[in-house]
Protein backbone atom coordinates (compact mmCIF):
# COMPACT_ATOMS: atom_id res chain seq x y z
CA UNK A 1 38.59 -123.37 11.51
CA UNK A 2 37.13 -123.12 8.01
CA UNK A 3 38.31 -119.54 7.59
CA UNK A 4 41.81 -120.42 8.84
CA UNK A 5 42.15 -123.23 6.31
CA UNK A 6 40.74 -121.04 3.56
CA UNK A 7 43.22 -118.29 4.39
CA UNK A 8 46.07 -120.80 4.26
CA UNK A 9 45.02 -121.88 0.76
CA UNK A 10 44.66 -118.29 -0.44
CA UNK A 11 48.02 -117.21 1.03
CA UNK A 12 49.88 -120.01 -0.72
CA UNK A 13 48.14 -119.38 -4.03
CA UNK A 14 49.00 -115.67 -3.82
CA UNK A 15 52.50 -115.89 -2.36
CA UNK A 16 53.90 -118.76 -4.36
CA UNK A 17 56.40 -121.57 -3.96
CA UNK A 18 58.73 -121.79 -0.96
CA UNK A 19 61.98 -123.74 -0.92
CA UNK A 20 62.43 -126.01 2.09
CA UNK A 21 64.18 -128.98 3.65
CA UNK A 22 62.61 -131.22 6.31
CA UNK A 23 65.13 -131.92 9.07
CA UNK A 24 65.32 -132.42 12.86
CA UNK A 25 68.81 -131.06 13.54
CA UNK A 26 67.97 -128.70 16.41
CA UNK A 27 67.51 -128.77 20.17
CA UNK A 28 63.75 -128.78 19.59
CA UNK A 29 64.11 -132.45 18.70
CA UNK A 30 61.32 -132.35 16.08
CA UNK A 31 61.17 -132.37 12.30
CA UNK A 32 60.41 -128.98 10.76
CA UNK A 33 60.43 -127.59 7.23
CA UNK A 34 63.33 -125.12 7.33
CA UNK A 35 63.91 -122.47 4.65
CA UNK A 36 66.83 -122.40 2.21
CA UNK A 37 69.62 -119.77 2.40
CA UNK A 38 68.65 -118.63 5.93
CA UNK A 39 71.16 -118.74 8.78
CA UNK A 40 69.59 -119.71 12.10
CA UNK A 41 70.69 -121.04 15.47
CA UNK A 42 69.91 -124.73 15.92
CA UNK A 43 71.79 -125.61 19.13
CA UNK A 44 70.79 -123.42 22.04
CA UNK A 45 70.45 -125.66 25.11
CA UNK A 46 72.42 -123.87 27.87
CA UNK A 47 73.31 -127.27 29.31
CA UNK A 48 75.07 -128.36 26.11
CA UNK A 49 77.15 -125.46 24.75
CA UNK A 50 78.42 -124.15 22.47
CA UNK A 51 75.71 -122.67 20.27
CA UNK A 52 75.82 -123.61 16.59
CA UNK A 53 74.10 -122.31 13.50
CA UNK A 54 72.82 -123.94 10.32
CA UNK A 55 72.30 -122.89 6.74
CA UNK A 56 70.76 -125.06 4.02
CA UNK A 57 71.63 -124.26 0.40
CA UNK A 58 70.50 -125.71 -2.92
CA UNK A 59 72.82 -126.91 -5.66
CA UNK A 60 72.70 -124.84 -8.84
CA UNK A 61 70.47 -127.39 -10.59
CA UNK A 62 68.21 -127.90 -7.55
CA UNK A 63 68.91 -131.62 -7.29
CA UNK A 64 70.70 -131.48 -3.93
CA UNK A 65 70.62 -129.59 -0.64
CA UNK A 66 73.73 -128.93 1.43
CA UNK A 67 73.55 -128.60 5.24
CA UNK A 68 76.47 -126.61 6.68
CA UNK A 69 77.13 -125.91 10.35
CA UNK A 70 78.66 -122.61 11.53
CA UNK A 71 79.84 -121.09 14.79
CA UNK A 72 78.60 -117.52 14.25
CA UNK A 73 75.32 -115.68 13.70
CA UNK A 74 76.21 -114.69 10.11
CA UNK A 75 77.08 -118.27 9.07
CA UNK A 76 80.52 -117.11 7.97
CA UNK A 77 82.78 -119.39 10.04
CA UNK A 78 82.22 -123.08 9.33
CA UNK A 79 82.70 -125.61 12.14
CA UNK A 80 84.65 -128.84 11.83
CA UNK A 81 81.42 -130.74 11.21
CA UNK A 82 81.32 -132.09 7.66
CA UNK A 83 78.80 -130.70 5.17
CA UNK A 84 75.80 -133.01 4.79
CA UNK A 85 74.36 -133.52 1.30
CA UNK A 86 70.71 -134.47 0.77
CA UNK A 87 69.65 -135.95 -2.58
CA UNK A 88 66.41 -137.20 -4.10
CA UNK A 89 67.11 -140.50 -2.39
CA UNK A 90 66.47 -138.91 1.02
CA UNK A 91 62.87 -138.68 2.19
CA UNK A 92 60.80 -136.93 4.84
CA UNK A 93 59.60 -138.78 7.98
CA UNK A 94 56.46 -139.85 6.12
CA UNK A 95 58.28 -140.99 2.98
CA UNK A 96 57.68 -137.85 0.90
CA UNK A 97 60.21 -135.44 -0.60
CA UNK A 98 62.99 -134.40 1.76
CA UNK A 99 63.35 -130.98 0.16
CA UNK A 100 62.29 -128.69 -2.65
CA UNK A 101 64.54 -126.19 -4.44
CA UNK A 102 61.74 -124.87 -6.65
CA UNK A 103 61.46 -121.13 -6.09
CA UNK A 104 63.82 -118.39 -4.97
CA UNK A 105 64.41 -115.97 -2.12
CA UNK A 106 61.57 -113.89 -3.52
CA UNK A 107 59.08 -116.74 -3.33
CA UNK A 108 60.21 -118.15 0.04
CA UNK A 109 57.73 -117.60 2.87
CA UNK A 110 58.30 -118.52 6.51
CA UNK A 111 57.45 -117.54 10.07
CA UNK A 112 60.20 -116.74 12.57
CA UNK A 113 59.19 -118.31 15.90
CA UNK A 114 60.87 -117.26 19.13
CA UNK A 115 61.49 -119.92 21.77
CA UNK A 116 61.85 -118.94 25.42
CA UNK A 117 62.88 -120.52 28.72
CA UNK A 118 60.29 -119.35 31.23
CA UNK A 119 57.92 -120.60 33.90
CA UNK A 120 54.19 -120.60 33.19
CA UNK A 121 53.27 -119.04 29.87
CA UNK A 122 55.67 -116.10 29.88
CA UNK A 123 57.87 -115.27 26.87
CA UNK A 124 60.63 -113.14 28.39
CA UNK A 125 63.93 -115.07 28.31
CA UNK A 126 64.47 -115.83 24.64
CA UNK A 127 66.70 -118.76 23.74
CA UNK A 128 66.53 -118.73 19.96
CA UNK A 129 64.47 -117.85 16.88
CA UNK A 130 63.80 -120.66 14.42
CA UNK A 131 62.17 -120.27 10.98
CA UNK A 132 59.32 -122.55 9.85
CA UNK A 133 58.40 -122.57 6.14
CA UNK A 134 54.71 -121.80 5.64
CA UNK A 135 52.52 -124.71 4.62
CA UNK A 136 51.60 -128.30 5.45
CA UNK A 137 54.45 -130.73 6.26
CA UNK A 138 54.71 -134.06 8.03
CA UNK A 139 56.78 -134.28 11.21
CA UNK A 140 56.45 -138.05 11.72
CA UNK A 141 55.10 -141.11 9.95
CA UNK A 142 51.62 -140.41 11.33
CA UNK A 143 51.38 -136.68 12.09
CA UNK A 144 51.71 -133.36 10.28
CA UNK A 145 51.40 -129.64 10.92
CA UNK A 146 50.43 -126.48 9.07
CA UNK A 147 51.97 -123.12 9.90
CA UNK A 148 50.89 -119.75 8.56
CA UNK A 149 51.35 -116.04 9.22
CA UNK A 150 50.01 -112.79 7.85
CA UNK A 151 52.23 -110.22 9.57
CA UNK A 152 54.92 -109.97 12.25
CA UNK A 153 52.43 -110.52 15.08
CA UNK A 154 49.77 -112.81 13.58
CA UNK A 155 50.11 -116.50 12.83
CA UNK A 156 48.73 -119.98 13.46
CA UNK A 157 50.22 -123.40 14.09
CA UNK A 158 47.86 -126.36 13.56
CA UNK A 159 48.70 -130.00 14.23
CA UNK A 160 47.06 -133.00 12.55
CA UNK A 161 46.80 -136.73 13.18
CA UNK A 162 47.52 -137.66 9.58
CA UNK A 163 50.82 -137.37 7.73
CA UNK A 164 49.78 -136.56 4.18
CA UNK A 165 47.16 -133.86 3.85
CA UNK A 166 46.73 -131.89 7.11
CA UNK A 167 43.10 -132.98 7.16
CA UNK A 168 42.43 -134.57 10.57
CA UNK A 169 42.70 -131.72 13.05
CA UNK A 170 44.56 -132.12 16.31
CA UNK A 171 45.40 -128.83 18.05
CA UNK A 172 45.27 -125.18 16.97
CA UNK A 173 47.70 -122.63 18.38
CA UNK A 174 47.52 -118.85 17.99
CA UNK A 175 51.16 -117.78 17.50
CA UNK A 176 50.41 -114.22 18.60
CA UNK A 177 49.98 -115.59 22.13
CA UNK A 178 52.85 -116.98 24.20
CA UNK A 179 52.21 -120.69 24.73
CA UNK A 180 53.94 -123.74 26.21
CA UNK A 181 55.71 -125.57 23.39
CA UNK A 182 57.45 -128.14 25.60
CA UNK A 183 56.44 -128.58 29.25
CA UNK A 184 59.39 -129.32 31.57
CA UNK A 185 57.84 -130.14 34.94
CA UNK A 186 59.73 -128.38 37.73
CA UNK A 187 62.22 -126.70 35.38
CA UNK A 188 61.34 -123.74 33.11
CA UNK A 189 59.18 -124.58 30.11
CA UNK A 190 60.13 -124.03 26.49
CA UNK A 191 57.56 -121.45 25.42
CA UNK A 192 56.99 -120.02 21.94
CA UNK A 193 55.55 -116.98 20.19
CA UNK A 194 55.71 -115.47 16.71
CA UNK A 195 58.72 -113.18 16.19
CA UNK A 196 58.42 -112.20 12.51
CA UNK A 197 56.71 -113.17 9.26
CA UNK A 198 58.35 -113.23 5.84
CA UNK A 199 55.94 -113.55 2.93
CA UNK A 200 57.03 -114.22 -0.63
CA UNK A 201 56.12 -110.69 -1.70
CA UNK A 202 59.04 -109.46 0.45
CA UNK A 203 56.67 -107.38 2.53
CA UNK A 204 55.93 -107.92 6.20
CA UNK A 205 52.19 -107.48 5.87
CA UNK A 206 49.64 -108.79 3.32
CA UNK A 207 46.88 -106.70 1.78
CA UNK A 208 44.28 -108.09 4.17
CA UNK A 209 44.07 -110.14 7.34
CA UNK A 210 41.96 -113.31 7.75
CA UNK A 211 38.72 -113.18 9.68
CA UNK A 212 37.40 -116.10 11.68
CA UNK A 213 33.78 -116.99 10.92
CA UNK A 214 33.33 -120.59 11.93
CA UNK A 215 34.95 -123.26 14.07
CA UNK A 216 33.45 -126.04 11.97
CA UNK A 217 36.14 -127.72 9.83
CA UNK A 218 35.53 -128.20 6.14
CA UNK A 219 37.32 -130.71 3.95
CA UNK A 220 36.72 -128.63 0.83
CA UNK A 221 36.73 -124.90 1.65
CA UNK A 222 35.69 -122.62 -1.18
CA UNK A 223 35.82 -118.87 -1.70
CA UNK A 224 33.06 -116.86 -3.37
CA UNK A 225 33.86 -113.48 -4.87
CA UNK A 226 31.31 -110.78 -5.57
CA UNK A 227 30.87 -110.11 -9.32
CA UNK A 228 32.77 -106.83 -9.03
CA UNK A 229 35.76 -108.43 -7.30
CA UNK A 230 38.75 -109.82 -9.16
CA UNK A 231 41.37 -112.03 -7.45
CA UNK A 232 44.97 -110.98 -8.00
CA UNK A 233 48.13 -113.03 -8.05
CA UNK A 234 51.53 -111.46 -7.45
CA UNK A 235 54.05 -112.16 -10.18
CA UNK A 236 56.51 -114.75 -8.82
CA UNK A 237 60.05 -114.42 -10.16
CA UNK A 238 62.57 -117.20 -10.65
CA UNK A 239 65.54 -115.41 -12.20
CA UNK A 240 68.72 -116.98 -13.55
CA UNK A 241 71.87 -115.16 -12.48
CA UNK A 242 75.53 -115.24 -11.53
CA UNK A 243 77.06 -113.07 -8.80
CA UNK A 244 80.33 -111.35 -9.71
CA UNK A 245 82.36 -108.29 -8.72
CA UNK A 246 84.45 -108.12 -11.91
CA UNK A 247 83.12 -104.81 -13.19
CA UNK A 248 83.50 -101.05 -12.81
CA UNK A 249 81.92 -100.69 -9.34
CA UNK A 250 83.99 -103.59 -7.95
CA UNK A 251 81.19 -105.02 -5.77
CA UNK A 252 78.97 -108.09 -6.04
CA UNK A 253 76.08 -107.69 -8.47
CA UNK A 254 73.85 -110.24 -10.22
CA UNK A 255 74.39 -110.59 -13.96
CA UNK A 256 72.32 -112.38 -16.62
CA UNK A 257 73.48 -115.13 -18.95
CA UNK A 258 74.13 -115.01 -22.71
CA UNK A 259 74.33 -111.19 -22.75
CA UNK A 260 77.37 -109.17 -23.85
CA UNK A 261 78.25 -107.01 -20.84
CA UNK A 262 80.65 -104.10 -20.88
CA UNK A 263 82.27 -104.26 -17.45
CA UNK A 264 84.91 -101.52 -17.75
CA UNK A 265 84.64 -98.20 -19.63
CA UNK A 266 86.94 -96.74 -22.24
CA UNK A 267 88.40 -93.56 -20.67
CA UNK A 268 91.37 -91.39 -21.50
CA UNK A 269 91.37 -89.72 -18.07
CA UNK A 270 91.57 -91.43 -15.69
CA UNK A 271 93.05 -93.99 -18.09
CA UNK A 272 90.80 -97.06 -18.23
CA UNK A 273 90.72 -99.76 -20.89
CA UNK A 274 87.40 -101.32 -21.86
CA UNK A 275 86.52 -104.89 -20.93
CA UNK A 276 83.62 -107.13 -21.92
CA UNK A 277 82.20 -110.31 -20.35
CA UNK A 278 79.64 -112.94 -21.31
CA UNK A 279 78.46 -115.71 -18.96
CA UNK A 280 77.22 -118.97 -20.50
CA UNK A 281 75.68 -121.92 -18.61
CA UNK A 282 76.82 -125.45 -19.40
CA UNK A 283 74.30 -127.88 -20.85
CA UNK A 284 73.91 -129.67 -17.51
CA UNK A 285 73.54 -126.31 -15.66
CA UNK A 286 76.27 -127.33 -13.20
CA UNK A 287 78.92 -124.87 -14.36
CA UNK A 288 79.29 -121.48 -16.03
CA UNK A 289 81.88 -120.38 -18.56
CA UNK A 290 82.95 -116.76 -18.22
CA UNK A 291 84.29 -115.30 -21.47
CA UNK A 292 86.27 -112.07 -21.17
CA UNK A 293 87.61 -109.68 -23.82
CA UNK A 294 90.26 -107.02 -23.10
CA UNK A 295 92.51 -104.77 -25.20
CA UNK A 296 95.06 -107.57 -25.03
CA UNK A 297 92.63 -109.87 -26.85
CA UNK A 298 90.96 -107.54 -29.38
CA UNK A 299 92.84 -104.89 -31.37
CA UNK A 300 91.16 -101.49 -31.21
CA UNK A 301 88.66 -102.61 -28.57
CA UNK A 302 86.35 -99.75 -27.62
CA UNK A 303 82.73 -98.97 -26.89
CA UNK A 304 80.09 -101.02 -28.65
CA UNK A 305 81.82 -104.42 -28.90
CA UNK A 306 79.34 -107.31 -29.33
CA UNK A 307 81.29 -110.26 -27.81
CA UNK A 308 80.89 -112.09 -31.12
CA UNK A 309 84.31 -113.73 -31.45
CA UNK A 310 84.70 -116.25 -28.62
CA UNK A 311 88.01 -117.43 -30.08
CA UNK A 312 89.61 -114.11 -29.02
CA UNK A 313 88.39 -114.28 -25.42
CA UNK A 314 90.09 -115.67 -22.36
CA UNK A 315 87.73 -117.91 -20.42
CA UNK A 316 87.21 -119.33 -16.93
CA UNK A 317 85.00 -122.28 -16.00
CA UNK A 318 83.13 -121.67 -12.73
CA UNK A 319 81.86 -124.81 -10.98
CA UNK A 320 78.93 -125.10 -8.58
CA UNK A 321 80.93 -125.41 -5.34
CA UNK A 322 80.07 -121.85 -4.23
CA UNK A 323 76.71 -122.22 -2.46
CA UNK A 324 76.76 -119.07 -0.29
CA UNK A 325 74.41 -116.57 -2.03
CA UNK A 326 76.55 -113.69 -0.73
CA UNK A 327 79.72 -114.97 -2.41
CA UNK A 328 81.20 -114.19 -5.80
CA UNK A 329 80.48 -116.87 -8.44
CA UNK A 330 77.33 -118.16 -6.78
CA UNK A 331 75.00 -118.86 -9.71
CA UNK A 332 71.67 -120.29 -10.76
CA UNK A 333 71.27 -121.54 -14.32
CA UNK A 334 67.70 -122.85 -14.11
CA UNK A 335 64.94 -120.25 -14.25
CA UNK A 336 63.79 -117.18 -16.16
CA UNK A 337 65.70 -114.52 -18.05
CA UNK A 338 64.87 -111.36 -16.09
CA UNK A 339 67.24 -108.43 -16.51
CA UNK A 340 67.62 -104.72 -17.19
CA UNK A 341 69.94 -103.20 -19.80
CA UNK A 342 71.17 -99.68 -19.09
CA UNK A 343 73.57 -97.17 -20.59
CA UNK A 344 75.67 -95.50 -17.92
CA UNK A 345 77.12 -92.01 -18.31
CA UNK A 346 79.49 -90.09 -16.03
CA UNK A 347 80.73 -86.63 -15.24
CA UNK A 348 83.08 -85.08 -12.71
CA UNK A 349 81.14 -84.36 -9.54
CA UNK A 350 81.06 -80.64 -8.88
CA UNK A 351 78.07 -80.01 -6.65
CA UNK A 352 75.39 -81.63 -4.52
CA UNK A 353 72.84 -81.61 -7.35
CA UNK A 354 74.23 -83.86 -10.10
CA UNK A 355 73.07 -82.91 -13.58
CA UNK A 356 73.17 -85.24 -16.57
CA UNK A 357 74.02 -82.27 -18.80
CA UNK A 358 77.48 -82.39 -17.19
CA UNK A 359 78.05 -86.05 -18.16
CA UNK A 360 81.20 -85.68 -20.26
CA UNK A 361 81.74 -89.47 -20.43
CA UNK A 362 78.82 -90.33 -22.69
CA UNK A 363 78.50 -93.25 -22.88
CA UNK A 364 80.57 -94.58 -20.00
CA UNK A 365 79.47 -98.16 -20.69
CA UNK A 366 76.40 -100.19 -21.59
CA UNK A 367 75.73 -103.19 -19.39
CA UNK A 368 72.99 -105.43 -17.96
CA UNK A 369 72.06 -106.68 -14.49
CA UNK A 370 69.79 -109.55 -13.48
CA UNK A 371 66.57 -108.35 -11.85
CA UNK A 372 64.48 -109.75 -8.98
CA UNK A 373 67.57 -111.35 -7.42
CA UNK A 374 68.58 -110.77 -3.80
CA UNK A 375 72.34 -110.14 -3.73
CA UNK A 376 74.24 -109.49 -0.55
CA UNK A 377 77.43 -108.56 1.26
CA UNK A 378 78.47 -109.24 4.85
CA UNK A 379 75.58 -107.38 6.48
CA UNK A 380 73.62 -105.71 3.68
CA UNK A 381 71.67 -106.83 0.65
CA UNK A 382 70.07 -105.38 -2.44
CA UNK A 383 67.73 -106.09 -5.30
CA UNK A 384 67.24 -104.51 -8.72
CA UNK A 385 63.81 -104.42 -10.31
CA UNK A 386 62.52 -103.03 -13.57
CA UNK A 387 59.20 -102.29 -15.21
CA UNK A 388 58.42 -100.85 -18.66
CA UNK A 389 59.66 -97.36 -17.75
CA UNK A 390 62.38 -97.60 -15.06
CA UNK A 391 64.85 -99.74 -13.15
CA UNK A 392 65.15 -99.35 -9.38
CA UNK A 393 67.73 -100.46 -6.82
CA UNK A 394 66.53 -101.43 -3.34
CA UNK A 395 68.88 -101.62 -0.35
CA UNK A 396 68.21 -103.72 2.74
CA UNK A 397 69.58 -104.27 6.23
CA UNK A 398 70.78 -107.85 6.67
CA UNK A 399 71.48 -110.37 3.94
CA UNK A 400 67.98 -111.62 3.08
CA UNK A 401 66.36 -108.57 1.41
CA UNK A 402 63.67 -108.32 4.09
CA UNK A 403 64.17 -105.01 5.95
CA UNK A 404 64.30 -102.12 3.49
CA UNK A 405 66.70 -99.31 4.44
CA UNK A 406 65.13 -96.43 2.52
CA UNK A 407 63.32 -95.55 -0.67
CA UNK A 408 64.84 -97.14 -3.79
CA UNK A 409 67.29 -95.32 -6.03
CA UNK A 410 66.76 -95.05 -9.76
CA UNK A 411 69.21 -97.05 -11.86
CA UNK A 412 67.72 -95.66 -15.06
CA UNK A 413 64.53 -94.52 -16.73
CA UNK A 414 63.51 -95.16 -20.31
CA UNK A 415 64.79 -92.42 -22.64
CA UNK A 416 65.58 -90.25 -19.61
CA UNK A 417 68.96 -89.69 -17.95
CA UNK A 418 68.85 -89.87 -14.13
CA UNK A 419 71.52 -89.80 -11.42
CA UNK A 420 72.35 -93.28 -10.07
CA UNK A 421 75.40 -93.07 -7.77
CA UNK A 422 78.55 -91.03 -7.06
CA UNK A 423 81.81 -92.99 -6.85
CA UNK A 424 85.51 -92.23 -6.39
CA UNK A 425 87.86 -93.34 -9.19
CA UNK A 426 91.61 -92.70 -8.81
CA UNK A 427 90.91 -89.84 -6.41
CA UNK A 428 88.22 -88.24 -8.61
CA UNK A 429 84.51 -88.15 -7.72
CA UNK A 430 82.35 -89.20 -10.64
CA UNK A 431 78.58 -88.80 -10.85
CA UNK A 432 77.15 -91.88 -12.56
CA UNK A 433 73.92 -91.51 -14.54
CA UNK A 434 71.76 -94.18 -16.12
CA UNK A 435 69.31 -94.56 -18.99
CA UNK A 436 67.16 -97.69 -19.19
CA UNK A 437 67.44 -99.39 -22.60
CA UNK A 438 65.62 -102.69 -22.00
CA UNK A 439 63.55 -104.39 -19.31
CA UNK A 440 63.31 -108.12 -19.99
CA UNK A 441 60.66 -110.11 -18.12
CA UNK A 442 60.89 -113.88 -18.64
CA UNK A 443 62.64 -113.37 -21.97
CA UNK A 444 60.27 -110.64 -23.24
CA UNK A 445 61.35 -107.00 -23.53
CA UNK A 446 58.56 -104.94 -21.91
CA UNK A 447 60.38 -101.60 -22.27
CA UNK A 448 58.32 -98.50 -23.08
CA UNK A 449 59.65 -95.05 -23.96
CA UNK A 450 58.97 -92.11 -21.67
CA UNK A 451 58.40 -88.81 -23.46
CA UNK A 452 58.10 -86.12 -20.75
CA UNK A 453 56.64 -83.63 -23.23
CA UNK A 454 53.71 -85.95 -23.88
CA UNK A 455 52.64 -86.45 -20.25
CA UNK A 456 48.92 -85.71 -19.83
CA UNK A 457 47.49 -82.98 -17.64
CA UNK A 458 45.77 -83.85 -14.39
CA UNK A 459 42.41 -83.13 -16.04
CA UNK A 460 42.52 -84.73 -19.49
CA UNK A 461 38.86 -83.92 -20.24
CA UNK A 462 39.43 -80.18 -20.06
CA UNK A 463 40.64 -78.27 -23.10
CA UNK A 464 42.12 -74.80 -23.53
CA UNK A 465 41.80 -72.50 -26.49
CA UNK A 466 45.56 -72.00 -26.65
CA UNK A 467 47.62 -75.15 -26.12
CA UNK A 468 50.87 -74.35 -24.38
CA UNK A 469 52.78 -77.34 -25.75
CA UNK A 470 54.18 -78.01 -22.27
CA UNK A 471 52.97 -80.44 -19.63
CA UNK A 472 50.99 -78.96 -16.76
CA UNK A 473 53.25 -80.56 -14.16
CA UNK A 474 57.00 -80.98 -14.34
CA UNK A 475 58.26 -84.55 -14.35
CA UNK A 476 60.03 -85.61 -11.19
CA UNK A 477 63.05 -87.86 -10.66
CA UNK A 478 61.83 -88.99 -7.26
CA UNK A 479 60.80 -92.68 -7.10
CA UNK A 480 57.51 -93.71 -5.58
CA UNK A 481 57.57 -95.18 -2.10
CA UNK A 482 56.08 -98.43 -3.39
CA UNK A 483 58.10 -100.85 -5.56
CA UNK A 484 56.86 -100.40 -9.12
CA UNK A 485 58.57 -103.51 -10.40
CA UNK A 486 55.92 -105.92 -9.15
CA UNK A 487 53.66 -107.05 -11.99
CA UNK A 488 50.18 -108.01 -10.87
CA UNK A 489 48.16 -110.30 -13.10
CA UNK A 490 44.40 -110.65 -12.94
CA UNK A 491 43.23 -114.24 -12.71
């Protein structure tokens, strides 16, 4: 038991803060800590159809949580049931906080538990999968539970006979094994087993698995590291952003605040007039003003405008009623300034091997995107990351940035032009290239210039009598298979 508790402490130190709401609105009939922004089925009893689905969302300032009921698996079609709003005045079953909106999709961690209708201890006929946020939470005025997982097949569920600290142990359940969650006498039981594990690093497996060493509980578990070992903590992001599709690619992307963004290029053929946008949060963080400059507002508007004259802009005030993270104008004003600035270039697509030397539209536009934000469409999602030398775009299956589709594409590298995407504009195929200009991490520009001619050889201690002036290995445009945008700090 000591090692299990110790692993729980370590996991939550490493993987950060999860958003949650404690509620009992499901056929399980118990209070659980459910995650934010996740669509899941809550009504599944075959004797009381139809099935319904829930999604909890936070207000833009994190002071409220909205509970919305839907009739479909994507939480796209709302039922007639009114939206329920939880505020700080609502409490958990033991009188504690009802919810927490501190964190983001990146920091959320939860275990997906499958529930089955079977006799004995079989898990064959699945009814539903319900997510439980990792950690210790009370489920009544006198009891609590702690749930944890390390990968898609390993997890624990511990119950306690106190409601505040998960200290007085009741039962311990290995989630990798099918077990009886609710006995039903002569009718099939409700059995349960782990289905998936989402950790706040957005990976399905941690760097190491826990090992059990003792069944003796300890009220104060401690970890001892060898002198050569150094604990690491994954950088937890909490980015500010607004989702909008009002730019050249015409699809939802996350944009930063207080930055002048060129959203449309200045082209003679096909004829396109430039446009610029700046998003500014209100003082109470409950609305965003979108300032927009076009050729109708600014005489001679072209490349390089700085959005300095607000009096010439048209503006729109966006309120906080859009809570669906996949919808245009969903925003979050509280958090960090994390974004990448890139100059985009373009050229007519002529072959299967796009070359930046053929970029005749140089520059196409210079813009910025918010990084470390999960943005989504109807059944896909994406995330942009950046580090000192490059910005990458990750694509995922589903809307929660969990299942990666393929290796990331390069949005831009520092001082190096790379192919980003090929798009069709007015019947013409354009190759779009990017160059990274800035990578801002919590308000600090960490950008570093890449000079391919200065890359070291693979054996820097060896010297030659006649330097060639060229690197020993040619630089490659292929991204690594591991996300390079994660910054790891040593404690």
